[in-house]
């Protein structure tokens, strides 16, 4: 849901969500918003996958390699 709202706001304004947050709230809020969107994206990735132990360990391995 969060991802859809940010995309809709960006399409409506013609500017990226991060640019809008930076303009109205400052750079420190940009980092918070980016972290929150990353967590929401990872959460949706994990919750939409089948609940087998292999898939969970695969997701965690991908996240560990990314970090």
N, C-alpha and C. Protein backbone atom coordinates (compact mmCIF):
# COMPACT_ATOMS: atom_id res chain seq x y z
N UNK A 1 0.82 -1.19 0.00
CA UNK A 1 0.00 0.00 0.00
C UNK A 1 0.87 1.26 0.00
N UNK A 2 1.93 1.25 0.77
CA UNK A 2 2.80 2.41 0.82
C UNK A 2 3.43 2.68 -0.53
N UNK A 3 3.86 1.59 -1.20
CA UNK A 3 4.48 1.76 -2.51
C UNK A 3 3.49 2.36 -3.51
N UNK A 4 2.24 1.92 -3.46
CA UNK A 4 1.24 2.45 -4.38
C UNK A 4 0.98 3.94 -4.14
N UNK A 5 0.94 4.33 -2.89
CA UNK A 5 0.70 5.74 -2.59
C UNK A 5 1.85 6.63 -3.06
N UNK A 6 3.08 6.16 -2.89
CA UNK A 6 4.21 6.96 -3.35
C UNK A 6 4.25 7.07 -4.87
N UNK A 7 3.89 5.99 -5.55
CA UNK A 7 3.86 6.04 -7.02
C UNK A 7 2.75 6.97 -7.48
N UNK A 8 1.60 6.91 -6.87
CA UNK A 8 0.50 7.80 -7.27
C UNK A 8 0.84 9.26 -7.04
N UNK A 9 1.48 9.55 -5.92
CA UNK A 9 1.89 10.92 -5.64
C UNK A 9 2.90 11.40 -6.67
N UNK A 10 3.84 10.54 -7.03
CA UNK A 10 4.85 10.91 -8.02
C UNK A 10 4.24 11.13 -9.39
N UNK A 11 3.30 10.27 -9.78
CA UNK A 11 2.66 10.43 -11.08
C UNK A 11 1.84 11.72 -11.10
N UNK A 12 1.13 12.02 -10.03
CA UNK A 12 0.29 13.21 -9.98
C UNK A 12 1.11 14.49 -10.02
N UNK A 13 2.22 14.54 -9.27
CA UNK A 13 3.02 15.75 -9.19
C UNK A 13 4.06 15.86 -10.28
N UNK A 14 4.45 14.72 -10.88
CA UNK A 14 5.48 14.74 -11.90
C UNK A 14 6.89 14.79 -11.33
N UNK A 15 7.02 14.61 -10.04
CA UNK A 15 8.33 14.62 -9.37
C UNK A 15 8.44 13.38 -8.50
N UNK A 16 9.66 13.01 -8.21
CA UNK A 16 9.85 11.80 -7.40
C UNK A 16 9.44 12.06 -5.96
N UNK A 17 9.09 10.98 -5.28
CA UNK A 17 8.65 11.08 -3.89
C UNK A 17 9.77 11.61 -3.00
N UNK A 18 10.99 11.18 -3.26
CA UNK A 18 12.12 11.63 -2.45
C UNK A 18 12.35 13.13 -2.64
N UNK A 19 12.21 13.63 -3.85
CA UNK A 19 12.37 15.07 -4.09
C UNK A 19 11.31 15.86 -3.34
N UNK A 20 10.08 15.36 -3.33
CA UNK A 20 9.01 16.05 -2.61
C UNK A 20 9.27 16.07 -1.11
N UNK A 21 9.70 14.95 -0.57
CA UNK A 21 9.99 14.89 0.87
C UNK A 21 11.15 15.82 1.21
N UNK A 22 12.18 15.82 0.38
CA UNK A 22 13.34 16.69 0.64
C UNK A 22 12.95 18.16 0.58
N UNK A 23 12.11 18.52 -0.36
CA UNK A 23 11.70 19.92 -0.50
C UNK A 23 10.88 20.40 0.70
N UNK A 24 9.97 19.58 1.16
CA UNK A 24 9.06 20.01 2.21
C UNK A 24 9.54 19.71 3.63
N UNK A 25 10.36 18.65 3.81
CA UNK A 25 10.73 18.24 5.16
C UNK A 25 12.22 18.21 5.44
N UNK A 26 13.07 18.23 4.42
CA UNK A 26 14.51 18.24 4.64
C UNK A 26 15.17 16.90 4.41
N UNK A 27 16.52 16.94 4.43
CA UNK A 27 17.30 15.76 4.09
C UNK A 27 17.21 14.65 5.12
N UNK A 28 17.09 15.00 6.40
CA UNK A 28 17.04 13.95 7.43
C UNK A 28 15.78 13.10 7.28
N UNK A 29 14.69 13.69 6.85
CA UNK A 29 13.47 12.92 6.65
C UNK A 29 13.56 12.02 5.42
N UNK A 30 14.38 12.42 4.45
CA UNK A 30 14.56 11.59 3.26
C UNK A 30 15.13 10.24 3.64
N UNK A 31 16.13 10.22 4.52
CA UNK A 31 16.73 8.94 4.93
C UNK A 31 15.73 8.08 5.67
N UNK A 32 14.91 8.69 6.48
CA UNK A 32 13.89 7.94 7.21
C UNK A 32 12.87 7.34 6.24
N UNK A 33 12.45 8.11 5.26
CA UNK A 33 11.47 7.64 4.28
C UNK A 33 12.05 6.52 3.42
N UNK A 34 13.29 6.67 3.00
CA UNK A 34 13.93 5.62 2.20
C UNK A 34 14.05 4.33 3.00
N UNK A 35 14.43 4.44 4.26
CA UNK A 35 14.54 3.25 5.11
C UNK A 35 13.17 2.60 5.30
N UNK A 36 12.14 3.40 5.53
CA UNK A 36 10.79 2.86 5.72
C UNK A 36 10.29 2.17 4.45
N UNK A 37 10.55 2.75 3.29
CA UNK A 37 10.13 2.12 2.03
C UNK A 37 10.91 0.83 1.78
N UNK A 38 12.20 0.81 2.14
CA UNK A 38 12.99 -0.42 1.97
C UNK A 38 12.46 -1.53 2.87
N UNK A 39 12.11 -1.19 4.11
CA UNK A 39 11.55 -2.18 5.02
C UNK A 39 10.19 -2.68 4.52
N UNK A 40 9.37 -1.77 4.02
CA UNK A 40 8.06 -2.18 3.50
C UNK A 40 8.21 -3.07 2.28
N UNK A 41 9.18 -2.78 1.43
CA UNK A 41 9.41 -3.60 0.25
C UNK A 41 9.90 -4.99 0.64
N UNK A 42 10.85 -5.05 1.55
CA UNK A 42 11.35 -6.35 2.01
C UNK A 42 10.25 -7.14 2.71
N UNK A 43 9.42 -6.45 3.47
CA UNK A 43 8.31 -7.11 4.15
C UNK A 43 7.32 -7.71 3.15
N UNK A 44 6.99 -6.98 2.13
CA UNK A 44 6.06 -7.52 1.13
C UNK A 44 6.70 -8.66 0.35
N UNK A 45 8.00 -8.60 0.12
CA UNK A 45 8.69 -9.69 -0.56
C UNK A 45 8.64 -10.97 0.26
N UNK A 46 8.86 -10.86 1.56
CA UNK A 46 8.87 -12.04 2.42
C UNK A 46 7.46 -12.58 2.63
N UNK A 47 6.48 -11.70 2.84
CA UNK A 47 5.13 -12.16 3.14
C UNK A 47 4.39 -12.71 1.93
N UNK A 48 4.77 -12.33 0.73
CA UNK A 48 4.09 -12.83 -0.46
C UNK A 48 4.69 -14.12 -0.99
N UNK A 49 5.79 -14.56 -0.42
CA UNK A 49 6.40 -15.79 -0.89
C UNK A 49 5.77 -16.99 -0.17
N UNK A 50 5.85 -18.17 -0.76
CA UNK A 50 5.30 -19.34 -0.08
C UNK A 50 6.04 -19.63 1.22
N UNK A 51 5.35 -20.15 2.21
CA UNK A 51 5.97 -20.29 3.54
C UNK A 51 6.80 -21.55 3.73
N UNK A 52 7.60 -21.89 2.77
CA UNK A 52 8.47 -23.05 2.94
C UNK A 52 9.80 -22.58 3.54
N UNK A 53 10.43 -23.40 4.35
CA UNK A 53 11.70 -23.00 4.97
C UNK A 53 12.78 -22.68 3.95
N UNK A 54 12.75 -23.35 2.81
CA UNK A 54 13.77 -23.08 1.79
C UNK A 54 13.61 -21.67 1.23
N UNK A 55 12.38 -21.24 0.99
CA UNK A 55 12.18 -19.91 0.43
C UNK A 55 12.56 -18.83 1.42
N UNK A 56 12.27 -19.04 2.70
CA UNK A 56 12.64 -18.05 3.71
C UNK A 56 14.15 -17.94 3.80
N UNK A 57 14.84 -19.06 3.81
CA UNK A 57 16.30 -19.01 3.88
C UNK A 57 16.89 -18.40 2.62
N UNK A 58 16.26 -18.63 1.47
CA UNK A 58 16.73 -18.00 0.23
C UNK A 58 16.59 -16.49 0.30
N UNK A 59 15.46 -16.01 0.80
CA UNK A 59 15.25 -14.57 0.94
C UNK A 59 16.25 -13.96 1.90
N UNK A 60 16.47 -14.64 3.02
CA UNK A 60 17.44 -14.12 3.99
C UNK A 60 18.85 -14.12 3.43
N UNK A 61 19.20 -15.11 2.61
CA UNK A 61 20.51 -15.14 1.99
C UNK A 61 20.68 -14.00 0.99
N UNK A 62 19.63 -13.70 0.24
CA UNK A 62 19.68 -12.58 -0.71
C UNK A 62 19.82 -11.26 0.05
N UNK A 63 19.08 -11.10 1.13
CA UNK A 63 19.16 -9.87 1.92
C UNK A 63 20.55 -9.74 2.55
N UNK A 64 21.09 -10.86 3.07
CA UNK A 64 22.42 -10.82 3.68
C UNK A 64 23.49 -10.47 2.65
N UNK A 65 23.37 -11.00 1.45
CA UNK A 65 24.34 -10.66 0.40
C UNK A 65 24.20 -9.21 -0.05
N UNK A 66 22.98 -8.69 -0.02
CA UNK A 66 22.74 -7.31 -0.44
C UNK A 66 23.33 -6.34 0.57
N UNK A 67 23.22 -6.68 1.85
CA UNK A 67 23.73 -5.80 2.91
C UNK A 67 25.25 -5.93 2.92
